[in-house]
């Protein structure tokens, strides 16, 4: 089995694990969406400090600032993800995240004039259909998930970030981009503390933060970084389109993790496990995976 495939699969499994931990930390009044966003993104100070110790960082008068703003944009977009995760099941949010390829292909067409293939249009249709299927919560009734609008904003902002990073990496090396983006993420997190209401809430959450919760927040960041390493290792060894197509199985892993925890550790995570919701989510996830795979490959 090709090593790039194993790396891409590992990245998908780890990012799915992050979905589960995000859900756990954002529910039950442990942390507000703002406090969680600040804490997780402040952890980007680690790569910002460590990368220059081992590698030469390049400053580009244009693309270093683009990477810096990209990091700040991610902080802002994750607020929408956090708010959605607080109100909806982890498996549904992980699936809705994969609406971002729709915006990537549309923005690529508008900005760069990239022509969409027939299969890309089919992929978009499948993703939209999958998101609509997952939104159904009751048999015989069309009940759209209340967070669908919120997560679409997140997906759009994330797609903008993908376009920016993909374009910038043609002019600046990955580690320099990663350094400046990490610095932008830290700056974006600190800037949020400039708002009195957010600052008061953050300080209150920190004062009541238990050590096990802090360690779990730290674990979320570490898992994310390791997943990123696997992802970029896969990109360096295999075709980009196939790597992205493999990573698109992430919602399936989130669904499996959530289902197992709901059955065997319901106090840690609870998902709807009735027959209708299991079948609906499974069908929607498979549809979204197929759509994302088609867009990536074609």
C-alpha atoms as a PDB file:
ATOM      1  CA  UNK A   1       0.000   0.000   0.000  1.00  0.00           C
ATOM      2  CA  UNK A   2       1.353   3.434  -1.000  1.00  0.00           C
ATOM      3  CA  UNK A   3       2.785   5.474   1.898  1.00  0.00           C
ATOM      4  CA  UNK A   4       0.969   8.634   0.754  1.00  0.00           C
ATOM      5  CA  UNK A   5      -2.339   6.804   1.145  1.00  0.00           C
ATOM      6  CA  UNK A   6      -1.507   5.788   4.736  1.00  0.00           C
ATOM      7  CA  UNK A   7      -0.409   9.344   5.592  1.00  0.00           C
ATOM      8  CA  UNK A   8      -3.621  10.824   4.129  1.00  0.00           C
ATOM      9  CA  UNK A   9      -5.746   8.262   5.967  1.00  0.00           C
ATOM     10  CA  UNK A  10      -3.934   9.024   9.242  1.00  0.00           C
ATOM     11  CA  UNK A  11      -4.600  12.751   8.750  1.00  0.00           C
ATOM     12  CA  UNK A  12      -8.317  12.079   8.226  1.00  0.00           C
ATOM     13  CA  UNK A  13      -8.499   9.884  11.346  1.00  0.00           C
ATOM     14  CA  UNK A  14      -6.747  12.485  13.505  1.00  0.00           C
ATOM     15  CA  UNK A  15      -8.823  15.427  12.257  1.00  0.00           C
ATOM     16  CA  UNK A  16     -11.935  13.356  12.965  1.00  0.00           C
ATOM     17  CA  UNK A  17     -10.658  12.819  16.511  1.00  0.00           C
ATOM     18  CA  UNK A  18     -10.300  16.594  16.830  1.00  0.00           C
ATOM     19  CA  UNK A  19     -13.989  16.937  15.864  1.00  0.00           C
ATOM     20  CA  UNK A  20     -14.913  14.688  18.786  1.00  0.00           C
ATOM     21  CA  UNK A  21     -12.724  16.551  21.282  1.00  0.00           C
ATOM     22  CA  UNK A  22     -14.032  19.900  20.018  1.00  0.00           C
ATOM     23  CA  UNK A  23     -17.583  18.741  20.671  1.00  0.00           C
ATOM     24  CA  UNK A  24     -16.707  17.502  24.137  1.00  0.00           C
ATOM     25  CA  UNK A  25     -14.978  20.750  25.116  1.00  0.00           C
ATOM     26  CA  UNK A  26     -17.589  23.074  23.625  1.00  0.00           C
ATOM     27  CA  UNK A  27     -20.588  21.496  25.329  1.00  0.00           C
ATOM     28  CA  UNK A  28     -21.527  21.345  28.973  1.00  0.00           C
ATOM     29  CA  UNK A  29     -20.486  24.936  29.711  1.00  0.00           C
ATOM     30  CA  UNK A  30     -16.782  24.110  29.871  1.00  0.00           C
ATOM     31  CA  UNK A  31     -15.665  26.915  27.564  1.00  0.00           C
ATOM     32  CA  UNK A  32     -17.386  29.563  25.457  1.00  0.00           C
ATOM     33  CA  UNK A  33     -16.902  29.571  21.700  1.00  0.00           C
ATOM     34  CA  UNK A  34     -14.692  32.673  22.023  1.00  0.00           C
ATOM     35  CA  UNK A  35     -12.552  31.326  24.875  1.00  0.00           C
ATOM     36  CA  UNK A  36     -12.031  28.016  23.074  1.00  0.00           C
ATOM     37  CA  UNK A  37     -11.090  29.819  19.871  1.00  0.00           C
ATOM     38  CA  UNK A  38      -8.555  31.993  21.699  1.00  0.00           C
ATOM     39  CA  UNK A  39      -7.031  29.106  23.659  1.00  0.00           C
ATOM     40  CA  UNK A  40      -6.619  26.723  20.732  1.00  0.00           C
ATOM     41  CA  UNK A  41      -5.190  29.375  18.425  1.00  0.00           C
ATOM     42  CA  UNK A  42      -2.840  30.813  21.061  1.00  0.00           C
ATOM     43  CA  UNK A  43      -1.191  27.381  20.936  1.00  0.00           C
ATOM     44  CA  UNK A  44       0.107  28.431  17.513  1.00  0.00           C
ATOM     45  CA  UNK A  45       2.795  30.271  19.451  1.00  0.00           C
ATOM     46  CA  UNK A  46       4.561  26.879  19.654  1.00  0.00           C
ATOM     47  CA  UNK A  47       5.316  26.552  15.908  1.00  0.00           C
ATOM     48  CA  UNK A  48       5.936  30.322  15.745  1.00  0.00           C
ATOM     49  CA  UNK A  49       8.705  29.907  18.332  1.00  0.00           C
ATOM     50  CA  UNK A  50      10.052  26.493  17.304  1.00  0.00           C
ATOM     51  CA  UNK A  51      10.234  26.765  13.502  1.00  0.00           C
ATOM     52  CA  UNK A  52      12.890  29.560  13.455  1.00  0.00           C
ATOM     53  CA  UNK A  53      15.095  27.458  15.768  1.00  0.00           C
ATOM     54  CA  UNK A  54      15.472  24.730  13.146  1.00  0.00           C
ATOM     55  CA  UNK A  55      14.755  26.371   9.802  1.00  0.00           C
ATOM     56  CA  UNK A  56      15.525  29.576   7.976  1.00  0.00           C
ATOM     57  CA  UNK A  57      12.420  31.737   7.699  1.00  0.00           C
ATOM     58  CA  UNK A  58      12.012  33.871   4.616  1.00  0.00           C
ATOM     59  CA  UNK A  59      10.384  37.298   4.782  1.00  0.00           C
ATOM     60  CA  UNK A  60       8.495  38.286   1.644  1.00  0.00           C
ATOM     61  CA  UNK A  61       7.096  41.844   1.608  1.00  0.00           C
ATOM     62  CA  UNK A  62       3.838  40.568   0.091  1.00  0.00           C
ATOM     63  CA  UNK A  63       3.278  36.905   0.846  1.00  0.00           C
ATOM     64  CA  UNK A  64       4.549  36.932   4.430  1.00  0.00           C
ATOM     65  CA  UNK A  65       1.753  39.395   5.169  1.00  0.00           C
ATOM     66  CA  UNK A  66      -0.693  37.322   3.140  1.00  0.00           C
ATOM     67  CA  UNK A  67       0.194  34.297   5.287  1.00  0.00           C
ATOM     68  CA  UNK A  68      -0.120  36.437   8.431  1.00  0.00           C
ATOM     69  CA  UNK A  69      -3.628  37.558   7.400  1.00  0.00           C
ATOM     70  CA  UNK A  70      -4.473  33.977   6.469  1.00  0.00           C
ATOM     71  CA  UNK A  71      -3.693  32.919  10.052  1.00  0.00           C
ATOM     72  CA  UNK A  72      -5.919  35.677  11.420  1.00  0.00           C
ATOM     73  CA  UNK A  73      -8.726  34.673   9.011  1.00  0.00           C
ATOM     74  CA  UNK A  74      -8.624  31.096  10.301  1.00  0.00           C
ATOM     75  CA  UNK A  75      -9.117  32.375  13.866  1.00  0.00           C
ATOM     76  CA  UNK A  76     -12.191  34.320  12.762  1.00  0.00           C
ATOM     77  CA  UNK A  77     -13.638  31.459  10.694  1.00  0.00           C
ATOM     78  CA  UNK A  78     -13.236  28.953  13.543  1.00  0.00           C
ATOM     79  CA  UNK A  79     -15.614  31.041  15.647  1.00  0.00           C
ATOM     80  CA  UNK A  80     -18.416  29.953  13.314  1.00  0.00           C
ATOM     81  CA  UNK A  81     -17.273  26.334  13.578  1.00  0.00           C
ATOM     82  CA  UNK A  82     -17.208  26.526  17.381  1.00  0.00           C
ATOM     83  CA  UNK A  83     -20.680  28.073  17.579  1.00  0.00           C
ATOM     84  CA  UNK A  84     -22.054  25.405  15.245  1.00  0.00           C
ATOM     85  CA  UNK A  85     -20.381  22.596  17.199  1.00  0.00           C
ATOM     86  CA  UNK A  86     -22.011  23.824  20.418  1.00  0.00           C
ATOM     87  CA  UNK A  87     -25.488  23.377  18.923  1.00  0.00           C
ATOM     88  CA  UNK A  88     -25.181  20.329  16.685  1.00  0.00           C
ATOM     89  CA  UNK A  89     -23.829  16.759  16.673  1.00  0.00           C
ATOM     90  CA  UNK A  90     -20.145  16.291  15.830  1.00  0.00           C
ATOM     91  CA  UNK A  91     -20.855  13.914  12.932  1.00  0.00           C
ATOM     92  CA  UNK A  92     -23.164  16.430  11.236  1.00  0.00           C
ATOM     93  CA  UNK A  93     -20.692  19.313  11.668  1.00  0.00           C
ATOM     94  CA  UNK A  94     -17.813  17.202  10.311  1.00  0.00           C
ATOM     95  CA  UNK A  95     -19.951  16.472   7.251  1.00  0.00           C
ATOM     96  CA  UNK A  96     -21.089  20.079   6.755  1.00  0.00           C
ATOM     97  CA  UNK A  97     -17.406  21.131   6.818  1.00  0.00           C
ATOM     98  CA  UNK A  98     -16.957  19.402   3.489  1.00  0.00           C
ATOM     99  CA  UNK A  99     -19.189  21.911   1.748  1.00  0.00           C
ATOM    100  CA  UNK A 100     -16.003  24.023   1.440  1.00  0.00           C
ATOM    101  CA  UNK A 101     -14.885  22.345  -1.854  1.00  0.00           C
ATOM    102  CA  UNK A 102     -17.964  23.921  -3.464  1.00  0.00           C
ATOM    103  CA  UNK A 103     -16.689  27.398  -2.620  1.00  0.00           C
ATOM    104  CA  UNK A 104     -13.117  26.460  -3.603  1.00  0.00           C
ATOM    105  CA  UNK A 105     -14.106  25.511  -7.149  1.00  0.00           C
ATOM    106  CA  UNK A 106     -16.422  28.527  -7.505  1.00  0.00           C
ATOM    107  CA  UNK A 107     -13.783  30.975  -6.227  1.00  0.00           C
ATOM    108  CA  UNK A 108     -11.124  29.337  -8.419  1.00  0.00           C
ATOM    109  CA  UNK A 109     -13.363  29.941 -11.425  1.00  0.00           C
ATOM    110  CA  UNK A 110     -14.097  33.574 -10.476  1.00  0.00           C
ATOM    111  CA  UNK A 111     -10.532  34.524  -9.483  1.00  0.00           C
ATOM    112  CA  UNK A 112      -8.336  32.355 -11.691  1.00  0.00           C
ATOM    113  CA  UNK A 113     -10.726  31.472 -14.495  1.00  0.00           C
ATOM    114  CA  UNK A 114     -10.375  27.737 -13.846  1.00  0.00           C
ATOM    115  CA  UNK A 115     -12.997  25.912 -15.883  1.00  0.00           C
ATOM    116  CA  UNK A 116     -15.085  23.346 -14.034  1.00  0.00           C
ATOM    117  CA  UNK A 117     -15.354  19.857 -15.481  1.00  0.00           C
ATOM    118  CA  UNK A 118     -18.623  17.994 -15.817  1.00  0.00           C
ATOM    119  CA  UNK A 119     -17.647  15.753 -12.881  1.00  0.00           C
ATOM    120  CA  UNK A 120     -16.903  18.790 -10.708  1.00  0.00           C
ATOM    121  CA  UNK A 121     -20.490  19.951 -11.232  1.00  0.00           C
ATOM    122  CA  UNK A 122     -21.707  16.448 -10.306  1.00  0.00           C
ATOM    123  CA  UNK A 123     -19.489  16.622  -7.205  1.00  0.00           C
ATOM    124  CA  UNK A 124     -21.025  19.953  -6.172  1.00  0.00           C
ATOM    125  CA  UNK A 125     -24.522  18.518  -6.649  1.00  0.00           C
ATOM    126  CA  UNK A 126     -23.631  15.499  -4.507  1.00  0.00           C
ATOM    127  CA  UNK A 127     -22.192  17.648  -1.686  1.00  0.00           C
ATOM    128  CA  UNK A 128     -25.300  19.848  -1.628  1.00  0.00           C
ATOM    129  CA  UNK A 129     -27.511  16.757  -1.679  1.00  0.00           C
ATOM    130  CA  UNK A 130     -25.503  15.133   1.120  1.00  0.00           C
ATOM    131  CA  UNK A 131     -25.711  18.238   3.314  1.00  0.00           C
ATOM    132  CA  UNK A 132     -29.479  18.366   2.725  1.00  0.00           C
ATOM    133  CA  UNK A 133     -29.845  14.675   3.649  1.00  0.00           C
ATOM    134  CA  UNK A 134     -27.841  15.074   6.872  1.00  0.00           C
ATOM    135  CA  UNK A 135     -29.963  18.078   7.849  1.00  0.00           C
ATOM    136  CA  UNK A 136     -33.005  15.815   8.209  1.00  0.00           C
ATOM    137  CA  UNK A 137     -33.615  14.827  11.797  1.00  0.00           C
ATOM    138  CA  UNK A 138     -37.134  13.400  11.776  1.00  0.00           C
ATOM    139  CA  UNK A 139     -38.794  10.868   9.530  1.00  0.00           C
ATOM    140  CA  UNK A 140     -41.411  12.411   7.252  1.00  0.00           C
ATOM    141  CA  UNK A 141     -40.483  15.989   8.157  1.00  0.00           C
ATOM    142  CA  UNK A 142     -38.050  18.427   6.582  1.00  0.00           C
ATOM    143  CA  UNK A 143     -36.225  19.835   9.596  1.00  0.00           C
ATOM    144  CA  UNK A 144     -33.108  21.650   8.446  1.00  0.00           C
ATOM    145  CA  UNK A 145     -30.274  21.793  10.967  1.00  0.00           C
ATOM    146  CA  UNK A 146     -30.267  25.216  12.682  1.00  0.00           C
ATOM    147  CA  UNK A 147     -26.482  25.501  12.269  1.00  0.00           C
ATOM    148  CA  UNK A 148     -26.379  24.898   8.516  1.00  0.00           C
ATOM    149  CA  UNK A 149     -26.180  28.637   7.783  1.00  0.00           C
ATOM    150  CA  UNK A 150     -23.428  29.105  10.389  1.00  0.00           C
ATOM    151  CA  UNK A 151     -21.288  26.250   9.106  1.00  0.00           C
ATOM    152  CA  UNK A 152     -21.687  27.456   5.515  1.00  0.00           C
ATOM    153  CA  UNK A 153     -20.138  30.786   6.564  1.00  0.00           C
ATOM    154  CA  UNK A 154     -17.275  28.805   8.105  1.00  0.00           C
ATOM    155  CA  UNK A 155     -16.891  26.704   4.945  1.00  0.00           C
ATOM    156  CA  UNK A 156     -16.807  29.812   2.762  1.00  0.00           C
ATOM    157  CA  UNK A 157     -14.149  31.523   4.906  1.00  0.00           C
ATOM    158  CA  UNK A 158     -12.139  28.300   5.013  1.00  0.00           C
ATOM    159  CA  UNK A 159     -12.363  28.033   1.220  1.00  0.00           C
ATOM    160  CA  UNK A 160     -11.035  31.592   0.917  1.00  0.00           C
ATOM    161  CA  UNK A 161      -8.136  30.505   3.150  1.00  0.00           C
ATOM    162  CA  UNK A 162      -7.490  27.455   0.946  1.00  0.00           C
ATOM    163  CA  UNK A 163      -7.363  29.612  -2.185  1.00  0.00           C
ATOM    164  CA  UNK A 164      -5.040  32.136  -0.520  1.00  0.00           C
ATOM    165  CA  UNK A 165      -2.666  29.484   0.827  1.00  0.00           C
ATOM    166  CA  UNK A 166      -2.573  27.503  -2.431  1.00  0.00           C
ATOM    167  CA  UNK A 167      -1.722  30.658  -4.416  1.00  0.00           C
ATOM    168  CA  UNK A 168       0.823  31.937  -1.879  1.00  0.00           C
ATOM    169  CA  UNK A 169       2.748  28.648  -1.747  1.00  0.00           C
ATOM    170  CA  UNK A 170       3.787  29.274  -5.354  1.00  0.00           C
ATOM    171  CA  UNK A 171       5.863  32.224  -4.105  1.00  0.00           C
ATOM    172  CA  UNK A 172       6.931  31.315  -0.564  1.00  0.00           C
ATOM    173  CA  UNK A 173       8.111  28.008   0.922  1.00  0.00           C
ATOM    174  CA  UNK A 174       5.795  25.988   3.160  1.00  0.00           C
ATOM    175  CA  UNK A 175       7.678  26.438   6.459  1.00  0.00           C
ATOM    176  CA  UNK A 176       7.925  30.196   6.019  1.00  0.00           C
ATOM    177  CA  UNK A 177       4.218  30.324   5.203  1.00  0.00           C
ATOM    178  CA  UNK A 178       3.454  28.153   8.229  1.00  0.00           C
ATOM    179  CA  UNK A 179       5.528  30.428  10.490  1.00  0.00           C
ATOM    180  CA  UNK A 180       3.848  33.663   9.347  1.00  0.00           C
ATOM    181  CA  UNK A 181       0.386  32.051   9.438  1.00  0.00           C
ATOM    182  CA  UNK A 182       1.036  30.858  13.000  1.00  0.00           C
ATOM    183  CA  UNK A 183       2.108  34.373  13.969  1.00  0.00           C
ATOM    184  CA  UNK A 184      -1.095  35.714  12.397  1.00  0.00           C
ATOM    185  CA  UNK A 185      -3.157  33.170  14.314  1.00  0.00           C
ATOM    186  CA  UNK A 186      -1.604  34.257  17.622  1.00  0.00           C
ATOM    187  CA  UNK A 187      -2.122  37.934  16.762  1.00  0.00           C
ATOM    188  CA  UNK A 188      -5.732  37.262  15.769  1.00  0.00           C
ATOM    189  CA  UNK A 189      -6.374  35.486  19.066  1.00  0.00           C
ATOM    190  CA  UNK A 190      -4.843  38.327  21.090  1.00  0.00           C
ATOM    191  CA  UNK A 191      -6.810  40.934  19.131  1.00  0.00           C
ATOM    192  CA  UNK A 192     -10.050  39.283  20.264  1.00  0.00           C
ATOM    193  CA  UNK A 193      -9.080  40.103  23.844  1.00  0.00           C
ATOM    194  CA  UNK A 194      -9.336  43.773  22.891  1.00  0.00           C
ATOM    195  CA  UNK A 195     -13.119  43.451  23.151  1.00  0.00           C
ATOM    196  CA  UNK A 196     -14.082  43.944  26.845  1.00  0.00           C
ATOM    197  CA  UNK A 197     -16.941  41.416  26.849  1.00  0.00           C
ATOM    198  CA  UNK A 198     -14.826  38.690  25.239  1.00  0.00           C
ATOM    199  CA  UNK A 199     -11.883  39.481  27.539  1.00  0.00           C
ATOM    200  CA  UNK A 200     -14.053  39.249  30.670  1.00  0.00           C
ATOM    201  CA  UNK A 201     -15.525  35.944  29.528  1.00  0.00           C
ATOM    202  CA  UNK A 202     -12.084  34.561  28.673  1.00  0.00           C
ATOM    203  CA  UNK A 203     -10.589  35.537  32.041  1.00  0.00           C
ATOM    204  CA  UNK A 204     -13.562  33.995  33.852  1.00  0.00           C
ATOM    205  CA  UNK A 205     -13.195  30.749  31.867  1.00  0.00           C
ATOM    206  CA  UNK A 206      -9.451  30.618  32.535  1.00  0.00           C
ATOM    207  CA  UNK A 207      -9.939  31.088  36.272  1.00  0.00           C
ATOM    208  CA  UNK A 208     -12.359  28.140  36.371  1.00  0.00           C
ATOM    209  CA  UNK A 209     -10.399  25.984  33.911  1.00  0.00           C
ATOM    210  CA  UNK A 210      -9.546  22.569  35.320  1.00  0.00           C
ATOM    211  CA  UNK A 211      -6.201  20.995  34.481  1.00  0.00           C
ATOM    212  CA  UNK A 212      -7.804  18.048  32.648  1.00  0.00           C
ATOM    213  CA  UNK A 213      -9.729  20.469  30.388  1.00  0.00           C
ATOM    214  CA  UNK A 214      -6.558  22.454  29.679  1.00  0.00           C
ATOM    215  CA  UNK A 215      -4.690  19.253  28.781  1.00  0.00           C
ATOM    216  CA  UNK A 216      -7.528  18.270  26.455  1.00  0.00           C
ATOM    217  CA  UNK A 217      -7.337  21.686  24.743  1.00  0.00           C
ATOM    218  CA  UNK A 218      -3.594  21.198  24.348  1.00  0.00           C
ATOM    219  CA  UNK A 219      -4.198  17.719  22.944  1.00  0.00           C
ATOM    220  CA  UNK A 220      -6.554  19.183  20.320  1.00  0.00           C
ATOM    221  CA  UNK A 221      -3.762  21.446  19.053  1.00  0.00           C
ATOM    222  CA  UNK A 222      -1.116  18.703  19.096  1.00  0.00           C
ATOM    223  CA  UNK A 223      -3.390  16.270  17.238  1.00  0.00           C
ATOM    224  CA  UNK A 224      -4.147  18.967  14.656  1.00  0.00           C
ATOM    225  CA  UNK A 225      -0.437  19.661  14.072  1.00  0.00           C
ATOM    226  CA  UNK A 226       0.378  15.951  13.727  1.00  0.00           C
ATOM    227  CA  UNK A 227      -2.499  15.559  11.256  1.00  0.00           C
ATOM    228  CA  UNK A 228      -1.138  18.498   9.264  1.00  0.00           C
ATOM    229  CA  UNK A 229       2.305  16.852   9.114  1.00  0.00           C
ATOM    230  CA  UNK A 230       0.739  13.633   7.821  1.00  0.00           C
ATOM    231  CA  UNK A 231      -1.333  15.583   5.301  1.00  0.00           C
ATOM    232  CA  UNK A 232       1.613  17.509   3.864  1.00  0.00           C
ATOM    233  CA  UNK A 233       3.736  14.364   3.877  1.00  0.00           C
ATOM    234  CA  UNK A 234       1.016  12.716   1.789  1.00  0.00           C
ATOM    235  CA  UNK A 235       0.961  15.707  -0.571  1.00  0.00           C
ATOM    236  CA  UNK A 236       4.732  15.486  -1.028  1.00  0.00           C
ATOM    237  CA  UNK A 237       4.510  11.798  -2.001  1.00  0.00           C
ATOM    238  CA  UNK A 238       1.247  11.417  -3.879  1.00  0.00           C
ATOM    239  CA  UNK A 239      -1.076  13.189  -6.348  1.00  0.00           C
ATOM    240  CA  UNK A 240      -2.806  16.176  -4.723  1.00  0.00           C
ATOM    241  CA  UNK A 241      -6.229  15.213  -6.071  1.00  0.00           C
ATOM    242  CA  UNK A 242      -6.055  11.677  -4.690  1.00  0.00           C
ATOM    243  CA  UNK A 243      -4.687  12.818  -1.330  1.00  0.00           C
ATOM    244  CA  UNK A 244      -7.606  15.244  -0.894  1.00  0.00           C
ATOM    245  CA  UNK A 245     -10.033  12.536  -1.998  1.00  0.00           C
ATOM    246  CA  UNK A 246      -8.704  10.182   0.703  1.00  0.00           C
ATOM    247  CA  UNK A 247      -8.841  12.893   3.388  1.00  0.00           C
ATOM    248  CA  UNK A 248     -12.501  13.385   2.454  1.00  0.00           C
ATOM    249  CA  UNK A 249     -13.297  10.231   4.455  1.00  0.00           C
ATOM    250  CA  UNK A 250     -12.852  12.339   7.634  1.00  0.00           C
ATOM    251  CA  UNK A 251     -16.641  12.679   8.251  1.00  0.00           C
ATOM    252  CA  UNK A 252     -16.971   8.898   8.189  1.00  0.00           C
ATOM    253  CA  UNK A 253     -14.363   8.510  10.927  1.00  0.00           C
ATOM    254  CA  UNK A 254     -16.091  11.222  12.989  1.00  0.00           C
ATOM    255  CA  UNK A 255     -19.380   9.380  12.579  1.00  0.00           C
ATOM    256  CA  UNK A 256     -17.849   6.048  13.661  1.00  0.00           C
ATOM    257  CA  UNK A 257     -16.089   7.615  16.678  1.00  0.00           C
ATOM    258  CA  UNK A 258     -19.295   9.399  17.748  1.00  0.00           C
ATOM    259  CA  UNK A 259     -21.396   6.278  17.318  1.00  0.00           C
ATOM    260  CA  UNK A 260     -19.032   4.110  19.369  1.00  0.00           C
ATOM    261  CA  UNK A 261     -18.801   6.700  22.139  1.00  0.00           C
ATOM    262  CA  UNK A 262     -22.586   7.104  22.218  1.00  0.00           C
ATOM    263  CA  UNK A 263     -22.991   3.363  22.748  1.00  0.00           C
ATOM    264  CA  UNK A 264     -20.080   2.660  25.091  1.00  0.00           C
ATOM    265  CA  UNK A 265     -19.272   6.032  26.716  1.00  0.00           C
ATOM    266  CA  UNK A 266     -22.459   8.131  26.505  1.00  0.00           C
ATOM    267  CA  UNK A 267     -21.328  10.395  29.356  1.00  0.00           C
ATOM    268  CA  UNK A 268     -18.439  11.558  27.142  1.00  0.00           C
ATOM    269  CA  UNK A 269     -20.405  12.139  23.931  1.00  0.00           C
ATOM    270  CA  UNK A 270     -24.034  11.701  22.957  1.00  0.00           C
ATOM    271  CA  UNK A 271     -25.387  11.351  19.412  1.00  0.00           C
ATOM    272  CA  UNK A 272     -28.779  10.348  18.103  1.00  0.00           C
ATOM    273  CA  UNK A 273     -28.524   6.597  17.559  1.00  0.00           C
ATOM    274  CA  UNK A 274     -32.018   5.697  16.398  1.00  0.00           C
ATOM    275  CA  UNK A 275     -32.294   3.841  13.099  1.00  0.00           C
ATOM    276  CA  UNK A 276     -33.540   6.840  11.082  1.00  0.00           C
ATOM    277  CA  UNK A 277     -30.730   9.172  12.170  1.00  0.00           C
ATOM    278  CA  UNK A 278     -27.990   6.549  11.723  1.00  0.00           C
ATOM    279  CA  UNK A 279     -29.156   5.691   8.198  1.00  0.00           C
ATOM    280  CA  UNK A 280     -29.680   9.374   7.298  1.00  0.00           C
ATOM    281  CA  UNK A 281     -26.231  10.440   8.507  1.00  0.00           C
ATOM    282  CA  UNK A 282     -24.531   7.460   6.867  1.00  0.00           C
ATOM    283  CA  UNK A 283     -26.224   8.142   3.525  1.00  0.00           C
ATOM    284  CA  UNK A 284     -25.445  11.874   3.720  1.00  0.00           C
ATOM    285  CA  UNK A 285     -21.803  11.292   4.659  1.00  0.00           C
ATOM    286  CA  UNK A 286     -21.278   8.830   1.802  1.00  0.00           C
ATOM    287  CA  UNK A 287     -22.883  11.282  -0.634  1.00  0.00           C
ATOM    288  CA  UNK A 288     -20.646  14.155   0.551  1.00  0.00           C
ATOM    289  CA  UNK A 289     -17.540  11.936   0.410  1.00  0.00           C
ATOM    290  CA  UNK A 290     -18.334  10.962  -3.174  1.00  0.00           C
ATOM    291  CA  UNK A 291     -18.899  14.602  -4.115  1.00  0.00           C
ATOM    292  CA  UNK A 292     -15.668  15.807  -2.490  1.00  0.00           C
ATOM    293  CA  UNK A 293     -13.792  12.938  -4.144  1.00  0.00           C
ATOM    294  CA  UNK A 294     -15.125  13.834  -7.592  1.00  0.00           C
ATOM    295  CA  UNK A 295     -14.172  17.508  -7.171  1.00  0.00           C
ATOM    296  CA  UNK A 296     -10.687  16.560  -5.962  1.00  0.00           C
ATOM    297  CA  UNK A 297      -9.974  14.025  -8.712  1.00  0.00           C
ATOM    298  CA  UNK A 298     -11.607  15.809 -11.650  1.00  0.00           C
END
